[in-house]
C-alpha atoms as a PDB file:
ATOM      1  CA  MET A   1      70.203  88.880  22.822  1.00  0.00           C
ATOM      2  CA  THR A   2      69.449  92.700  21.874  1.00  0.00           C
ATOM      3  CA  THR A   3      71.803  94.357  19.472  1.00  0.00           C
ATOM      4  CA  ILE A   4      72.310  98.251  19.716  1.00  0.00           C
ATOM      5  CA  GLU A   5      74.416  99.802  16.879  1.00  0.00           C
ATOM      6  CA  PHE A   6      75.268 103.540  15.902  1.00  0.00           C
ATOM      7  CA  ASP A   7      77.672 105.583  14.198  1.00  0.00           C
ATOM      8  CA  LEU A   8      79.560 108.532  14.957  1.00  0.00           C
ATOM      9  CA  GLU A   9      82.100 110.840  12.655  1.00  0.00           C
ATOM     10  CA  ARG A  10      84.487 113.595  13.297  1.00  0.00           C
ATOM     11  CA  THR A  11      87.124 115.110  11.103  1.00  0.00           C
ATOM     12  CA  ILE A  12      90.744 115.396  12.948  1.00  0.00           C
ATOM     13  CA  ASN A  13      93.215 117.680  12.027  1.00  0.00           C
ATOM     14  CA  ALA A  14      95.994 115.156  11.685  1.00  0.00           C
ATOM     15  CA  PRO A  15      97.290 113.105   9.109  1.00  0.00           C
ATOM     16  CA  ILE A  16      95.704 109.515   9.026  1.00  0.00           C
ATOM     17  CA  GLY A  17      98.930 107.375  10.140  1.00  0.00           C
ATOM     18  CA  ASP A  18      99.173 109.721  13.004  1.00  0.00           C
ATOM     19  CA  VAL A  19      95.467 109.051  14.018  1.00  0.00           C
ATOM     20  CA  PHE A  20      95.785 105.209  13.228  1.00  0.00           C
ATOM     21  CA  ALA A  21      98.696 104.914  15.535  1.00  0.00           C
ATOM     22  CA  ARG A  22      96.740 106.614  18.563  1.00  0.00           C
ATOM     23  CA  LEU A  23      93.905 104.430  18.241  1.00  0.00           C
ATOM     24  CA  VAL A  24      96.260 101.243  18.157  1.00  0.00           C
ATOM     25  CA  ASP A  25      98.353 102.175  21.066  1.00  0.00           C
ATOM     26  CA  ILE A  26      96.525 100.678  23.462  1.00  0.00           C
ATOM     27  CA  ASP A  27      98.556 101.660  26.445  1.00  0.00           C
ATOM     28  CA  GLY A  28      98.322 105.043  25.203  1.00  0.00           C
ATOM     29  CA  HIS A  29      94.586 105.368  25.319  1.00  0.00           C
ATOM     30  CA  ASN A  30      95.232 106.050  29.059  1.00  0.00           C
ATOM     31  CA  GLU A  31      97.042 109.607  28.069  1.00  0.00           C
ATOM     32  CA  TRP A  32      93.881 110.901  25.558  1.00  0.00           C
ATOM     33  CA  THR A  33      90.541 109.223  26.975  1.00  0.00           C
ATOM     34  CA  ALA A  34      90.768 107.871  30.677  1.00  0.00           C
ATOM     35  CA  GLY A  35      89.322 110.359  33.255  1.00  0.00           C
ATOM     36  CA  LYS A  36      87.884 112.440  30.496  1.00  0.00           C
ATOM     37  CA  ALA A  37      84.126 111.979  31.510  1.00  0.00           C
ATOM     38  CA  SER A  38      84.544 108.274  30.273  1.00  0.00           C
ATOM     39  CA  MET A  39      83.852 105.065  32.228  1.00  0.00           C
ATOM     40  CA  LEU A  40      87.158 104.095  31.310  1.00  0.00           C
ATOM     41  CA  LYS A  41      89.640 104.321  34.450  1.00  0.00           C
ATOM     42  CA  HIS A  42      92.618 102.578  32.910  1.00  0.00           C
ATOM     43  CA  THR A  43      93.346 100.393  29.929  1.00  0.00           C
ATOM     44  CA  ARG A  44      96.666  98.125  29.403  1.00  0.00           C
ATOM     45  CA  GLN A  45      97.645  95.852  26.587  1.00  0.00           C
ATOM     46  CA  THR A  46      97.950  92.181  27.809  1.00  0.00           C
ATOM     47  CA  SER A  47      99.789  90.352  25.111  1.00  0.00           C
ATOM     48  CA  PRO A  48     103.656  91.585  24.082  1.00  0.00           C
ATOM     49  CA  GLY A  49     104.432  93.324  21.063  1.00  0.00           C
ATOM     50  CA  PRO A  50     102.856  95.740  18.409  1.00  0.00           C
ATOM     51  CA  ALA A  51      98.970  95.973  17.743  1.00  0.00           C
ATOM     52  CA  VAL A  52      97.879  92.911  15.533  1.00  0.00           C
ATOM     53  CA  VAL A  53      94.708  91.078  15.262  1.00  0.00           C
ATOM     54  CA  GLY A  54      94.623  88.970  18.344  1.00  0.00           C
ATOM     55  CA  THR A  55      96.256  91.583  20.591  1.00  0.00           C
ATOM     56  CA  THR A  56      94.581  91.443  23.810  1.00  0.00           C
ATOM     57  CA  TYR A  57      93.901  94.213  26.460  1.00  0.00           C
ATOM     58  CA  VAL A  58      92.146  94.957  29.645  1.00  0.00           C
ATOM     59  CA  ASP A  59      89.848  98.000  30.394  1.00  0.00           C
ATOM     60  CA  GLU A  60      89.263  98.891  34.020  1.00  0.00           C
ATOM     61  CA  THR A  61      86.197 100.909  33.950  1.00  0.00           C
ATOM     62  CA  SER A  62      83.613 102.573  36.562  1.00  0.00           C
ATOM     63  CA  GLN A  63      81.343  99.133  35.547  1.00  0.00           C
ATOM     64  CA  GLY A  64      84.328  96.767  36.114  1.00  0.00           C
ATOM     65  CA  VAL A  65      86.907  94.853  34.397  1.00  0.00           C
ATOM     66  CA  MET A  66      86.004  94.280  30.727  1.00  0.00           C
ATOM     67  CA  HIS A  67      88.561  92.099  28.583  1.00  0.00           C
ATOM     68  CA  GLY A  68      89.239  92.470  24.940  1.00  0.00           C
ATOM     69  CA  GLU A  69      90.999  92.014  21.689  1.00  0.00           C
ATOM     70  CA  ILE A  70      91.664  93.541  18.338  1.00  0.00           C
ATOM     71  CA  VAL A  71      90.060  91.517  15.901  1.00  0.00           C
ATOM     72  CA  GLU A  72      90.457  93.389  12.586  1.00  0.00           C
ATOM     73  CA  LEU A  73      93.317  95.501  11.537  1.00  0.00           C
ATOM     74  CA  ASP A  74      94.263  97.355   8.222  1.00  0.00           C
ATOM     75  CA  ALA A  75      96.642 100.087   8.974  1.00  0.00           C
ATOM     76  CA  PRO A  76      96.083 102.891   8.551  1.00  0.00           C
ATOM     77  CA  ARG A  77      92.479 102.302   7.612  1.00  0.00           C
ATOM     78  CA  THR A  78      90.505 100.032   9.812  1.00  0.00           C
ATOM     79  CA  VAL A  79      90.520  98.886  13.319  1.00  0.00           C
ATOM     80  CA  VAL A  80      88.065  96.853  15.397  1.00  0.00           C
ATOM     81  CA  TYR A  81      87.793  95.905  18.925  1.00  0.00           C
ATOM     82  CA  HIS A  82      85.969  93.277  20.494  1.00  0.00           C
ATOM     83  CA  TRP A  83      85.321  93.522  24.460  1.00  0.00           C
ATOM     84  CA  TRP A  84      83.085  91.369  26.646  1.00  0.00           C
ATOM     85  CA  ASP A  85      81.915  91.435  30.224  1.00  0.00           C
ATOM     86  CA  LYS A  86      80.611  88.032  31.930  1.00  0.00           C
ATOM     87  CA  SER A  87      78.675  87.141  34.994  1.00  0.00           C
ATOM     88  CA  GLY A  88      80.410  85.546  38.038  1.00  0.00           C
ATOM     89  CA  SER A  89      79.337  81.938  36.201  1.00  0.00           C
ATOM     90  CA  GLY A  90      80.777  82.854  33.116  1.00  0.00           C
ATOM     91  CA  ARG A  91      77.603  84.030  30.877  1.00  0.00           C
ATOM     92  CA  LEU A  92      77.862  86.889  28.805  1.00  0.00           C
ATOM     93  CA  LYS A  93      76.155  90.006  30.134  1.00  0.00           C
ATOM     94  CA  PHE A  94      77.574  92.161  27.403  1.00  0.00           C
ATOM     95  CA  GLU A  95      80.011  92.505  24.379  1.00  0.00           C
ATOM     96  CA  GLY A  96      80.602  95.283  22.066  1.00  0.00           C
ATOM     97  CA  TRP A  97      82.493  96.007  18.991  1.00  0.00           C
ATOM     98  CA  PRO A  98      83.815  99.745  18.691  1.00  0.00           C
ATOM     99  CA  GLY A  99      85.349  99.950  15.351  1.00  0.00           C
ATOM    100  CA  TYR A 100      86.947 103.022  13.112  1.00  0.00           C
ATOM    101  CA  SER A 101      87.542 103.458   9.674  1.00  0.00           C
ATOM    102  CA  LEU A 102      89.638 106.167   8.703  1.00  0.00           C
ATOM    103  CA  THR A 103      89.795 108.208   5.528  1.00  0.00           C
ATOM    104  CA  ALA A 104      92.659 110.913   4.572  1.00  0.00           C
ATOM    105  CA  ALA A 105      90.965 113.939   3.999  1.00  0.00           C
ATOM    106  CA  GLY A 106      94.151 116.269   2.434  1.00  0.00           C
ATOM    107  CA  ASP A 107      97.391 116.439   3.830  1.00  0.00           C
ATOM    108  CA  ASN A 108      96.566 117.006   7.531  1.00  0.00           C
ATOM    109  CA  GLN A 109      93.036 115.729   8.086  1.00  0.00           C
ATOM    110  CA  THR A 110      91.508 112.582   8.667  1.00  0.00           C
ATOM    111  CA  VAL A 111      87.796 111.556   8.701  1.00  0.00           C
ATOM    112  CA  VAL A 112      87.438 109.129  11.400  1.00  0.00           C
ATOM    113  CA  ARG A 113      84.140 106.848  11.124  1.00  0.00           C
ATOM    114  CA  HIS A 114      83.393 105.341  14.444  1.00  0.00           C
ATOM    115  CA  HIS A 115      80.790 102.128  14.320  1.00  0.00           C
ATOM    116  CA  ALA A 116      79.845 100.540  17.510  1.00  0.00           C
ATOM    117  CA  THR A 117      77.843  97.322  18.153  1.00  0.00           C
ATOM    118  CA  LEU A 118      76.806  96.296  21.336  1.00  0.00           C
ATOM    119  CA  ASN A 119      74.921  92.838  22.211  1.00  0.00           C
ATOM    120  CA  ALA A 120      73.142  92.631  25.799  1.00  0.00           C
ATOM    121  CA  TYR A 121      72.092  89.264  27.061  1.00  0.00           C
ATOM    122  CA  GLY A 122      69.728  87.705  29.126  1.00  0.00           C
ATOM    123  CA  MET A 123      68.050  90.124  31.723  1.00  0.00           C
ATOM    124  CA  TYR A 124      70.417  93.018  30.526  1.00  0.00           C
ATOM    125  CA  ARG A 125      68.348  93.004  27.077  1.00  0.00           C
ATOM    126  CA  LEU A 126      65.517  94.849  29.011  1.00  0.00           C
ATOM    127  CA  ALA A 127      67.847  97.513  29.678  1.00  0.00           C
ATOM    128  CA  ALA A 128      68.341  98.068  25.971  1.00  0.00           C
ATOM    129  CA  PRO A 129      67.395 101.885  25.875  1.00  0.00           C
ATOM    130  CA  ILE A 130      69.380 102.737  29.086  1.00  0.00           C
ATOM    131  CA  LEU A 131      72.308 100.785  27.508  1.00  0.00           C
ATOM    132  CA  ARG A 132      71.920 102.602  23.916  1.00  0.00           C
ATOM    133  CA  TRP A 133      72.178 106.021  25.872  1.00  0.00           C
ATOM    134  CA  LEU A 134      75.233 105.048  27.997  1.00  0.00           C
ATOM    135  CA  ALA A 135      77.089 103.336  25.099  1.00  0.00           C
ATOM    136  CA  LEU A 136      76.363 106.438  22.698  1.00  0.00           C
ATOM    137  CA  ARG A 137      77.517 108.957  25.379  1.00  0.00           C
ATOM    138  CA  GLU A 138      80.607 106.878  26.080  1.00  0.00           C
ATOM    139  CA  ARG A 139      81.658 106.424  22.521  1.00  0.00           C
ATOM    140  CA  THR A 140      80.861 110.245  21.979  1.00  0.00           C
ATOM    141  CA  VAL A 141      83.302 111.077  24.925  1.00  0.00           C
ATOM    142  CA  THR A 142      85.924 108.762  23.175  1.00  0.00           C
ATOM    143  CA  VAL A 143      85.797 110.065  19.664  1.00  0.00           C
ATOM    144  CA  ASP A 144      85.859 113.553  20.967  1.00  0.00           C
ATOM    145  CA  ALA A 145      88.760 112.943  23.218  1.00  0.00           C
ATOM    146  CA  LEU A 146      90.438 111.253  20.158  1.00  0.00           C
ATOM    147  CA  LYS A 147      89.909 114.544  18.254  1.00  0.00           C
ATOM    148  CA  ALA A 148      90.883 116.911  21.102  1.00  0.00           C
ATOM    149  CA  SER A 149      94.371 114.874  21.709  1.00  0.00           C
ATOM    150  CA  PHE A 150      95.305 116.405  18.499  1.00  0.00           C
ATOM    151  CA  GLU A 151      94.565 119.982  19.061  1.00  0.00           C
ATOM    152  CA  PRO A 152      97.640 122.338  19.601  1.00  0.00           C
ATOM    153  CA  GLY A 153      99.233 121.819  22.729  1.00  0.00           C
ATOM    154  CA  ARG A 154      98.158 118.414  23.355  1.00  0.00           C
ATOM    155  CA  PRO A 155     100.662 115.424  23.472  1.00  0.00           C
END
């Protein structure tokens, strides 16, 4: 196994509760991230109810379908997702933990710290430098899209 980790940080002009609500609204991710230079084509929550630890989802990406779940949630400060991709025989190829830590910065600003961990297994370990570049690019697109979704004139 090869592990890749990195951190990103953005300050968003919105209250912490609004930013957190947008991050945990899995079906709502389609409104602000899918199709914005992202590998994500569509995401959908697959378990009923509001977001809680154990909530499941499916991401349809340009690389295939990835299943995931929320593994940590402490409103309105922390949410960590876990996704995975398996081979046809059921062996793990990749799994990732994109996590967000939010801190209020005044009445109408939130500092978003994004920590991402990606594990590559088997022969996919050999592609670690490329995987790191792809993961960093994808996660940067995501946090930038999150920030842009709070700009005036956006939903």
